[in-house]
Amino acid sequence: MRKVAVLAAGGTGGHLFPAQALAEALIGRGWSIVLASDERVAGLAQDFPAERRIGLSSATYQSGNPLSMLRAGLAVMRGASQARAVYREIGPNVVVGFGGYPSVPALVGAIFDRRPTVIHEQNAVMGRANRFLASRVTRVACAFPTLLKAPAKVAAQAVVVGNPVRPPIRALADLPYDPPGAEGPIRILITGGSQGARLLSELVPEAIAALPEALRQRLMVQQQTRPESMETARRVYANAVVDAEIAPFFRDMAGRLAAAHLVIGRSGAGSVCEFAVAGRPSILVPLAVALDDDQGQNARFLADAGGAEIARESQLTLASLSGALEKLLTNPARLARMAAAARSVAMPDAAERLADVVERTAHG
């Protein structure tokens, strides 16, 4: 009998990549996949393995603005009606939401139709869209043991499955971490993140340039940088005689993570879980303006385990970052301990764990 799962995800990679990992796991179990989102998803979902994609009306709103909330509510109801029309045609066995306002109408439509529903929350702090729906869906799964801002009953019953990661990242769980030796290259990977990347783009090169010359000569840096900051970063690294590759986006993130001795980046849920699966020590810089400090709470997951150091924007300076880098890069034993700690809290099989939850929910 044909099994159909509708996966509803917001239009950002943080929502879409876990949905894609689940899709691949379910396809391996004989499921057919339908992707529900809004028009933003087109650019990111080119490789998403869905037999069908449906675009649903939706909108976000400004808190405290009654007119904005009314417009968003009407848009969601239109989207829910569109979803129900499609559901009557395809008869999904389960609808799975990954957060973001474009996921709301797909889940609302399923709730109205009394279809089995699952929410997966990627962050340690439950997002607004998931918070709105969490008490109404059949089951909630989450990435971290901590689920702040969730209704108490939801948090108590949520199933911790981890954050599904892409197969190339999953494969890194089986690769050992080799700390830098007394001589030879030390490889640093800097991931920018889609939000607030200017700080990392501009501060990290300056901090690396301030390291002692003997240490700089051993460094091999790979840095994702905002396009408008690339030339400045290249000039800083060249003046400091640091071997650096600068680009706005790296496609082979798995290969670069596998080679890295240290990673510096934001602490979005996907990044934190990928660093854990890869078993790589990291310096995490939570986005200061992130709603409900979700990035800060994500970072604590690795830091509390001993796998990462947290550098808060409010306390981050050129001197503090350069000092932290020097202490870590000259202590291979500590890097190795951090790598082991990061891997100890990883859930590389998160996609399969979530697929188990989805199948149990679909089967009642």
Protein backbone atom coordinates (compact mmCIF):
# COMPACT_ATOMS: atom_id res chain seq x y z
CA MET A 1 0.00 0.00 0.00
CA ARG A 2 1.36 3.42 -1.00
CA LYS A 3 2.44 5.56 1.96
CA VAL A 4 2.51 9.35 1.52
CA ALA A 5 4.16 11.88 3.85
CA VAL A 6 3.75 15.62 3.44
CA LEU A 7 6.79 17.49 4.76
CA ALA A 8 6.11 21.16 5.51
CA ALA A 9 9.13 23.42 5.95
CA GLY A 10 9.96 27.10 6.01
CA GLY A 11 12.01 28.56 3.20
CA THR A 12 15.41 28.55 4.94
CA GLY A 13 18.10 25.90 4.99
CA GLY A 14 17.71 25.48 8.75
CA HIS A 15 14.19 24.15 8.20
CA LEU A 16 14.67 22.54 4.80
CA PHE A 17 17.84 20.48 5.30
CA PRO A 18 16.42 18.39 8.19
CA ALA A 19 13.27 17.87 6.14
CA GLN A 20 15.37 16.62 3.24
CA ALA A 21 17.28 14.21 5.48
CA LEU A 22 13.97 12.81 6.75
CA ALA A 23 12.65 12.56 3.19
CA GLU A 24 15.61 10.44 2.16
CA ALA A 25 15.18 8.18 5.18
CA LEU A 26 11.46 7.70 4.50
CA ILE A 27 12.02 7.05 0.78
CA GLY A 28 14.38 4.28 1.81
CA ARG A 29 11.44 2.77 3.70
CA GLY A 30 9.09 2.92 0.73
CA TRP A 31 7.37 6.27 1.33
CA SER A 32 6.38 8.87 -1.25
CA ILE A 33 7.21 12.47 -0.32
CA VAL A 34 5.33 15.71 -0.95
CA LEU A 35 6.98 19.02 -0.03
CA ALA A 36 4.78 21.89 1.17
CA SER A 37 6.21 25.40 1.56
CA ASP A 38 6.08 28.88 0.01
CA GLU A 39 7.79 30.40 -3.03
CA ARG A 40 11.09 30.99 -1.16
CA VAL A 41 11.79 27.28 -1.09
CA ALA A 42 12.41 27.00 -4.85
CA GLY A 43 16.04 28.12 -4.72
CA LEU A 44 17.00 25.82 -1.85
CA ALA A 45 14.92 22.76 -2.75
CA GLN A 46 16.32 21.94 -6.17
CA ASP A 47 17.63 18.60 -4.93
CA PHE A 48 14.76 17.86 -2.55
CA PRO A 49 13.52 14.32 -3.33
CA ALA A 50 9.79 15.09 -3.47
CA GLU A 51 7.44 13.62 -6.04
CA ARG A 52 5.34 16.76 -5.77
CA ARG A 53 5.67 20.27 -4.37
CA ILE A 54 2.77 22.39 -3.24
CA GLY A 55 2.89 26.11 -2.56
CA LEU A 56 0.60 27.31 0.20
CA SER A 57 -0.54 30.80 1.16
CA SER A 58 1.05 31.96 4.41
CA ALA A 59 2.43 35.05 6.12
CA THR A 60 4.28 36.11 9.24
CA TYR A 61 3.12 38.87 11.55
CA GLN A 62 4.38 41.64 13.81
CA SER A 63 3.74 41.00 17.48
CA GLY A 64 1.35 43.54 18.96
CA ASN A 65 0.10 44.67 15.56
CA PRO A 66 -3.57 43.59 15.28
CA LEU A 67 -3.81 44.34 11.55
CA SER A 68 -0.65 42.35 10.80
CA MET A 69 -1.94 39.44 12.88
CA LEU A 70 -5.31 39.52 11.11
CA ARG A 71 -3.67 39.48 7.68
CA ALA A 72 -1.42 36.60 8.69
CA GLY A 73 -4.35 34.66 10.08
CA LEU A 74 -6.34 35.07 6.86
CA ALA A 75 -3.33 34.00 4.79
CA VAL A 76 -2.85 30.89 6.93
CA MET A 77 -6.52 29.95 6.60
CA ARG A 78 -6.29 30.30 2.82
CA GLY A 79 -3.21 28.09 2.87
CA ALA A 80 -4.93 25.54 5.09
CA SER A 81 -7.85 25.39 2.63
CA GLN A 82 -5.40 24.87 -0.23
CA ALA A 83 -3.68 22.10 1.72
CA ARG A 84 -6.95 20.30 2.50
CA ALA A 85 -7.87 20.31 -1.20
CA VAL A 86 -4.54 18.62 -2.02
CA TYR A 87 -4.93 16.17 0.88
CA ARG A 88 -8.29 15.02 -0.47
CA GLU A 89 -6.48 14.18 -3.69
CA ILE A 90 -3.34 12.48 -2.36
CA GLY A 91 -4.54 11.13 1.03
CA PRO A 92 -1.36 11.63 3.10
CA ASN A 93 -0.77 9.21 5.95
CA VAL A 94 1.06 11.87 7.98
CA VAL A 95 1.99 15.56 7.79
CA VAL A 96 5.33 16.60 9.31
CA GLY A 97 6.18 20.24 10.08
CA PHE A 98 9.69 21.63 10.52
CA GLY A 99 8.88 25.13 11.69
CA GLY A 100 8.84 28.51 10.01
CA TYR A 101 5.60 30.25 9.14
CA PRO A 102 5.27 28.53 5.72
CA SER A 103 4.80 25.21 7.57
CA VAL A 104 1.74 26.41 9.50
CA PRO A 105 -1.02 26.09 6.85
CA ALA A 106 -0.02 22.53 5.97
CA LEU A 107 -0.30 21.49 9.60
CA VAL A 108 -3.48 23.48 10.26
CA GLY A 109 -5.10 21.79 7.28
CA ALA A 110 -4.07 18.39 8.58
CA ILE A 111 -5.37 19.17 12.07
CA PHE A 112 -8.74 20.22 10.63
CA ASP A 113 -8.85 16.92 8.70
CA ARG A 114 -7.82 14.94 11.81
CA ARG A 115 -4.80 13.51 10.04
CA PRO A 116 -1.73 12.31 12.00
CA THR A 117 0.73 15.17 12.49
CA VAL A 118 4.31 15.51 13.75
CA ILE A 119 6.35 18.61 14.55
CA HIS A 120 10.14 18.55 14.61
CA GLU A 121 11.79 21.43 16.50
CA GLN A 122 15.40 21.99 15.48
CA ASN A 123 16.38 24.51 18.17
CA ALA A 124 16.76 24.32 21.93
CA VAL A 125 14.11 27.06 22.09
CA MET A 126 10.80 26.23 20.41
CA GLY A 127 10.03 28.63 17.57
CA ARG A 128 6.86 30.68 17.34
CA ALA A 129 5.23 28.63 14.58
CA ASN A 130 5.86 25.33 16.34
CA ARG A 131 4.84 26.83 19.69
CA PHE A 132 1.49 27.82 18.21
CA LEU A 133 0.80 24.30 16.95
CA ALA A 134 2.59 22.07 19.47
CA SER A 135 -0.41 21.38 21.71
CA ARG A 136 -2.59 20.51 18.72
CA VAL A 137 -0.44 18.02 16.80
CA THR A 138 -0.24 14.29 17.41
CA ARG A 139 3.43 14.16 18.41
CA VAL A 140 6.41 16.50 18.90
CA ALA A 141 10.02 15.52 18.26
CA CYS A 142 12.99 17.73 19.07
CA ALA A 143 16.72 17.99 18.50
CA PHE A 144 17.98 18.86 21.98
CA PRO A 145 17.18 17.55 25.48
CA THR A 146 16.26 21.14 26.36
CA LEU A 147 13.08 22.53 24.80
CA LEU A 148 12.56 26.02 26.17
CA LYS A 149 9.41 28.10 25.52
CA ALA A 150 7.40 24.96 24.81
CA PRO A 151 4.20 24.31 26.79
CA ALA A 152 5.14 22.25 29.86
CA LYS A 153 3.14 19.18 28.79
CA VAL A 154 4.63 19.31 25.29
CA ALA A 155 8.20 19.57 26.62
CA ALA A 156 7.63 16.63 28.96
CA GLN A 157 6.30 14.37 26.19
CA ALA A 158 8.57 15.45 23.32
CA VAL A 159 10.74 12.73 21.81
CA VAL A 160 14.44 13.69 21.56
CA VAL A 161 15.69 12.48 18.19
CA GLY A 162 18.46 14.94 17.32
CA ASN A 163 18.70 17.04 14.20
CA PRO A 164 18.69 15.11 10.91
CA VAL A 165 21.84 15.90 8.94
CA ARG A 166 22.67 15.33 5.30
CA PRO A 167 24.26 11.94 4.45
CA PRO A 168 27.75 13.38 3.70
CA ILE A 169 27.78 14.92 7.19
CA ARG A 170 26.41 11.71 8.72
CA ALA A 171 29.37 9.82 7.26
CA LEU A 172 31.78 11.97 9.29
CA ALA A 173 30.61 10.26 12.50
CA ASP A 174 32.78 7.31 11.54
CA LEU A 175 35.95 9.36 10.91
CA PRO A 176 38.43 9.94 13.76
CA TYR A 177 39.61 13.39 14.79
CA ASP A 178 43.35 13.88 14.35
CA PRO A 179 44.59 16.89 16.34
CA PRO A 180 47.36 19.02 14.87
CA GLY A 181 50.89 17.79 15.53
CA ALA A 182 53.83 19.71 16.89
CA GLU A 183 54.63 20.70 13.33
CA GLY A 184 52.69 20.82 10.11
CA PRO A 185 49.47 22.58 9.12
CA ILE A 186 46.65 23.62 11.43
CA ARG A 187 43.36 23.88 9.54
CA ILE A 188 40.66 26.33 10.60
CA LEU A 189 37.19 26.41 9.03
CA ILE A 190 35.05 29.53 9.46
CA THR A 191 31.39 29.26 8.51
CA GLY A 192 29.59 32.55 8.11
CA GLY A 193 25.91 31.81 8.45
CA SER A 194 23.14 33.51 6.53
CA GLN A 195 22.35 36.06 9.26
CA GLY A 196 24.68 38.50 10.94
CA ALA A 197 27.77 37.20 9.17
CA ARG A 198 29.49 40.59 8.98
CA LEU A 199 31.04 40.20 12.41
CA LEU A 200 32.72 36.91 11.53
CA SER A 201 33.66 38.11 8.05
CA GLU A 202 35.56 41.09 9.40
CA LEU A 203 36.70 40.20 12.94
CA VAL A 204 38.06 36.68 12.43
CA PRO A 205 40.71 37.63 9.83
CA GLU A 206 41.94 40.43 12.10
CA ALA A 207 42.08 38.09 15.09
CA ILE A 208 44.04 35.49 13.14
CA ALA A 209 46.39 38.17 11.86
CA ALA A 210 47.13 39.13 15.48
CA LEU A 211 48.43 35.63 16.34
CA PRO A 212 52.18 35.06 16.80
CA GLU A 213 54.02 34.72 13.50
CA ALA A 214 55.22 31.18 14.18
CA LEU A 215 51.62 30.08 14.64
CA ARG A 216 50.30 32.02 11.63
CA GLN A 217 52.80 30.30 9.36
CA ARG A 218 51.20 26.93 10.13
CA LEU A 219 47.61 27.98 9.52
CA MET A 220 45.45 26.95 6.59
CA VAL A 221 42.21 28.93 6.75
CA GLN A 222 38.99 28.32 4.85
CA GLN A 223 36.43 31.05 5.43
CA GLN A 224 32.92 31.69 4.22
CA THR A 225 32.70 35.45 3.87
CA ARG A 226 30.10 37.99 2.80
CA PRO A 227 30.80 38.98 -0.85
CA GLU A 228 31.35 42.62 0.14
CA SER A 229 33.94 41.58 2.74
CA MET A 230 35.97 39.18 0.60
CA GLU A 231 38.62 41.59 -0.67
CA THR A 232 39.23 43.01 2.80
CA ALA A 233 39.60 39.52 4.26
CA ARG A 234 41.99 38.48 1.50
CA ARG A 235 44.11 41.58 2.09
CA VAL A 236 44.28 40.99 5.85
CA TYR A 237 45.30 37.37 5.41
CA ALA A 238 47.86 38.23 2.70
CA ASN A 239 49.46 40.92 4.87
CA ALA A 240 49.67 38.42 7.74
CA VAL A 241 51.12 35.76 5.38
CA VAL A 242 48.33 33.33 6.21
CA ASP A 243 47.29 30.66 3.71
CA ALA A 244 43.58 31.39 3.24
CA GLU A 245 40.77 30.35 0.90
CA ILE A 246 37.91 32.86 0.89
CA ALA A 247 34.51 32.26 -0.69
CA PRO A 248 30.89 33.28 -0.06
CA PHE A 249 29.78 29.65 -0.01
CA PHE A 250 31.43 26.24 0.25
CA ARG A 251 29.62 23.33 -1.38
CA ASP A 252 31.77 20.52 0.02
CA MET A 253 31.11 21.32 3.67
CA ALA A 254 31.47 17.68 4.71
CA GLY A 255 34.96 17.41 3.23
CA ARG A 256 36.02 20.69 4.81
CA LEU A 257 34.65 19.69 8.21
CA ALA A 258 36.47 16.38 7.97
CA ALA A 259 39.79 18.18 7.45
CA ALA A 260 39.30 20.93 10.04
CA HIS A 261 41.13 21.02 13.36
CA LEU A 262 38.91 23.86 14.64
CA VAL A 263 35.65 25.40 13.45
CA ILE A 264 34.42 28.93 14.11
CA GLY A 265 30.82 29.76 13.34
CA ARG A 266 27.34 30.76 14.38
CA SER A 267 25.29 28.36 16.49
CA GLY A 268 22.24 27.70 14.40
CA ALA A 269 20.74 24.32 15.23
CA GLY A 270 21.98 22.68 12.04
CA SER A 271 25.54 23.92 12.50
CA VAL A 272 25.72 22.81 16.14
CA CYS A 273 24.49 19.32 15.32
CA GLU A 274 26.78 19.01 12.30
CA PHE A 275 29.81 19.98 14.40
CA ALA A 276 28.78 17.38 16.97
CA VAL A 277 28.29 14.61 14.41
CA ALA A 278 31.63 15.45 12.80
CA GLY A 279 33.27 15.55 16.24
CA ARG A 280 34.97 18.88 15.67
CA PRO A 281 35.92 21.38 18.39
CA SER A 282 34.42 24.80 17.82
CA ILE A 283 34.18 28.41 18.87
CA LEU A 284 30.53 29.38 18.61
CA VAL A 285 29.33 32.97 18.23
CA PRO A 286 25.55 33.06 18.84
CA LEU A 287 23.65 35.62 16.81
CA ALA A 288 22.86 38.35 19.34
CA VAL A 289 19.58 39.40 17.73
CA ALA A 290 18.25 35.84 17.39
CA LEU A 291 14.72 35.54 18.71
CA ASP A 292 14.58 34.14 22.28
CA ASP A 293 18.37 33.60 22.20
CA ASP A 294 17.84 30.28 20.45
CA GLN A 295 21.40 30.28 19.11
CA GLY A 296 22.79 30.87 22.59
CA GLN A 297 20.82 27.93 23.95
CA ASN A 298 21.94 25.74 21.04
CA ALA A 299 25.56 26.64 21.76
CA ARG A 300 25.16 25.69 25.42
CA PHE A 301 24.38 22.12 24.34
CA LEU A 302 27.92 21.70 23.00
CA ALA A 303 29.63 23.97 25.52
CA ASP A 304 28.13 22.20 28.54
CA ALA A 305 29.41 18.91 27.14
CA GLY A 306 32.89 20.41 26.73
CA GLY A 307 32.87 20.37 22.94
CA ALA A 308 32.77 24.11 22.26
CA GLU A 309 33.60 27.54 23.60
CA ILE A 310 30.96 30.28 23.41
CA ALA A 311 31.95 33.81 22.39
CA ARG A 312 29.08 36.19 23.03
CA GLU A 313 28.95 39.17 20.67
CA SER A 314 28.65 41.59 23.57
CA GLN A 315 31.98 40.38 24.96
CA LEU A 316 33.78 39.57 21.71
CA THR A 317 36.78 41.70 20.82
CA LEU A 318 39.78 41.26 18.55
CA ALA A 319 41.97 40.62 21.59
CA SER A 320 39.60 38.13 23.23
CA LEU A 321 39.14 36.10 20.04
CA SER A 322 42.83 36.12 19.19
CA GLY A 323 43.66 35.02 22.72
CA ALA A 324 41.12 32.19 22.62
CA LEU A 325 42.47 31.01 19.28
CA GLU A 326 46.07 30.98 20.51
CA LYS A 327 45.16 28.97 23.62
CA LEU A 328 43.29 26.35 21.61
CA LEU A 329 45.58 26.07 18.61
CA THR A 330 48.66 25.54 20.80
CA ASN A 331 46.98 22.81 22.88
CA PRO A 332 46.32 19.76 20.67
CA ALA A 333 45.34 17.63 23.68
CA ARG A 334 42.57 20.06 24.57
CA LEU A 335 41.33 20.12 20.97
CA ALA A 336 41.18 16.32 21.03
CA ARG A 337 39.19 16.37 24.29
CA MET A 338 36.77 18.91 22.82
CA ALA A 339 36.35 16.78 19.70
CA ALA A 340 35.54 13.70 21.77
CA ALA A 341 33.10 15.68 23.92
CA ALA A 342 31.31 17.05 20.87
CA ARG A 343 30.93 13.60 19.38
CA SER A 344 29.69 12.16 22.70
CA VAL A 345 26.44 14.17 22.46
CA ALA A 346 25.89 13.69 18.72
CA MET A 347 22.95 11.79 17.27
CA PRO A 348 24.16 10.86 13.78
CA ASP A 349 21.13 8.62 13.24
CA ALA A 350 18.66 11.46 13.88
CA ALA A 351 16.98 11.06 10.48
CA GLU A 352 16.24 7.40 11.21
CA ARG A 353 15.06 8.21 14.74
CA LEU A 354 12.69 10.84 13.36
CA ALA A 355 11.52 8.45 10.64
CA ASP A 356 10.65 5.95 13.41
CA VAL A 357 8.55 8.62 15.16
CA VAL A 358 6.81 9.53 11.90
CA GLU A 359 5.95 5.92 11.10
CA ARG A 360 4.65 5.23 14.61
CA THR A 361 2.47 8.34 14.37
CA ALA A 362 1.16 7.45 10.92
CA HIS A 363 0.24 3.96 12.05
CA GLY A 364 -1.54 5.24 15.16
